[in-house]
Amino acid sequence: MGLSIAVFIFALFAAIVLYLLVNYSSLMAAIVLLVVPLVTIVAVPETANVFLAHEHARLAGGLVPINNYHLLLFVWSTIIGIILYTEFLTWYLSKNKRPIK
């Protein structure tokens, strides 16, 4: 049950950030991507710590734990990659191109 709730929370978080990326700006999406978890940790540190430290599984014979903060880092890295790609693509497509002679 814990994994399904965590996946739902991270999917909702990712959907909100991607909505902001598509409909508003990549800067706003990046700010929300970083600020929401930080504000949550500052506002309710005990609850955030318990949620992020919740262990779902152990890999490699019990040596590598998979916690919610691993899922958060996965979501962060994926969405930051999408934001950087859209910024690069926007920059590339908006460059003034010289006419071919």
Protein backbone atom coordinates (compact mmCIF):
# COMPACT_ATOMS: atom_id res chain seq x y z
CA MET A 1 0.00 0.00 0.00
CA GLY A 2 2.88 2.39 0.75
CA LEU A 3 4.35 2.10 -2.73
CA SER A 4 1.07 2.86 -4.47
CA ILE A 5 0.55 6.01 -2.40
CA ALA A 6 4.14 7.15 -3.01
CA VAL A 7 3.86 6.51 -6.74
CA PHE A 8 0.58 8.43 -6.83
CA ILE A 9 2.11 11.40 -4.99
CA PHE A 10 5.16 11.49 -7.27
CA ALA A 11 3.01 11.04 -10.40
CA LEU A 12 0.78 13.92 -9.31
CA PHE A 13 3.87 16.05 -8.60
CA ALA A 14 5.32 15.20 -12.02
CA ALA A 15 2.01 15.93 -13.75
CA ILE A 16 1.78 19.36 -12.12
CA VAL A 17 5.36 20.22 -13.08
CA LEU A 18 4.88 19.01 -16.67
CA TYR A 19 1.61 20.97 -16.91
CA LEU A 20 3.48 24.11 -15.85
CA LEU A 21 6.26 23.33 -18.32
CA VAL A 22 3.87 22.98 -21.25
CA ASN A 23 1.39 25.74 -20.45
CA TYR A 24 3.48 28.39 -18.71
CA SER A 25 7.28 28.27 -18.66
CA SER A 26 10.20 26.02 -17.99
CA LEU A 27 11.48 28.40 -15.32
CA MET A 28 8.23 28.12 -13.38
CA ALA A 29 8.29 24.34 -13.71
CA ALA A 30 11.88 24.19 -12.45
CA ILE A 31 11.08 26.44 -9.50
CA VAL A 32 8.07 24.33 -8.52
CA LEU A 33 10.14 21.18 -9.02
CA LEU A 34 12.67 22.37 -6.45
CA VAL A 35 10.61 24.52 -4.10
CA VAL A 36 7.68 22.20 -3.32
CA PRO A 37 9.80 19.40 -1.78
CA LEU A 38 12.00 21.91 0.07
CA VAL A 39 9.02 23.79 1.49
CA THR A 40 7.44 20.50 2.52
CA ILE A 41 10.61 19.48 4.34
CA VAL A 42 10.84 22.85 6.11
CA ALA A 43 7.11 23.09 6.93
CA VAL A 44 6.55 19.54 8.21
CA PRO A 45 9.99 18.02 8.73
CA GLU A 46 8.90 14.97 10.71
CA THR A 47 6.22 13.91 8.23
CA ALA A 48 8.47 14.59 5.24
CA ASN A 49 11.34 12.65 6.81
CA VAL A 50 9.12 9.66 7.56
CA PHE A 51 7.70 9.75 4.02
CA LEU A 52 11.04 10.11 2.23
CA ALA A 53 12.78 7.50 4.38
CA HIS A 54 10.05 4.88 3.85
CA GLU A 55 11.74 1.77 2.44
CA HIS A 56 9.99 -0.15 -0.33
CA ALA A 57 12.48 -2.84 -1.24
CA ARG A 58 16.07 -4.00 -0.96
CA LEU A 59 18.12 -4.96 -3.98
CA ALA A 60 21.43 -6.81 -4.36
CA GLY A 61 20.80 -9.28 -1.59
CA GLY A 62 19.61 -6.66 0.88
CA LEU A 63 22.51 -4.24 0.39
CA VAL A 64 20.73 -1.49 -1.56
CA PRO A 65 17.54 -0.04 -0.05
CA ILE A 66 14.97 1.67 -2.30
CA ASN A 67 13.34 4.55 -0.42
CA ASN A 68 10.94 7.31 -1.40
CA TYR A 69 13.79 9.77 -1.75
CA HIS A 70 15.18 7.52 -4.48
CA LEU A 71 11.86 7.88 -6.27
CA LEU A 72 12.00 11.65 -5.75
CA LEU A 73 15.50 11.78 -7.24
CA PHE A 74 14.29 9.71 -10.19
CA VAL A 75 11.41 12.15 -10.80
CA TRP A 76 13.73 15.14 -10.39
CA SER A 77 16.36 13.88 -12.80
CA THR A 78 13.80 12.90 -15.41
CA ILE A 79 11.94 16.20 -15.33
CA ILE A 80 15.13 18.28 -15.19
CA GLY A 81 16.26 16.41 -18.32
CA ILE A 82 12.96 17.23 -20.02
CA ILE A 83 13.21 20.90 -19.00
CA LEU A 84 16.79 21.18 -20.27
CA TYR A 85 15.89 19.45 -23.52
CA THR A 86 12.96 21.81 -24.16
CA GLU A 87 15.13 24.82 -23.35
CA PHE A 88 17.83 23.65 -25.75
CA LEU A 89 15.28 22.84 -28.45
CA THR A 90 13.60 26.23 -28.02
CA TRP A 91 16.95 27.99 -28.22
CA TYR A 92 17.98 26.04 -31.30
CA LEU A 93 14.71 26.61 -33.14
CA SER A 94 14.65 30.32 -32.32
CA LYS A 95 18.16 31.04 -33.60
CA ASN A 96 18.36 33.44 -36.51
CA LYS A 97 19.45 31.40 -39.44
CA ARG A 98 21.44 32.94 -42.24
CA PRO A 99 19.98 32.39 -45.71
CA ILE A 100 21.80 29.88 -47.90
CA LYS A 101 23.53 31.57 -50.84
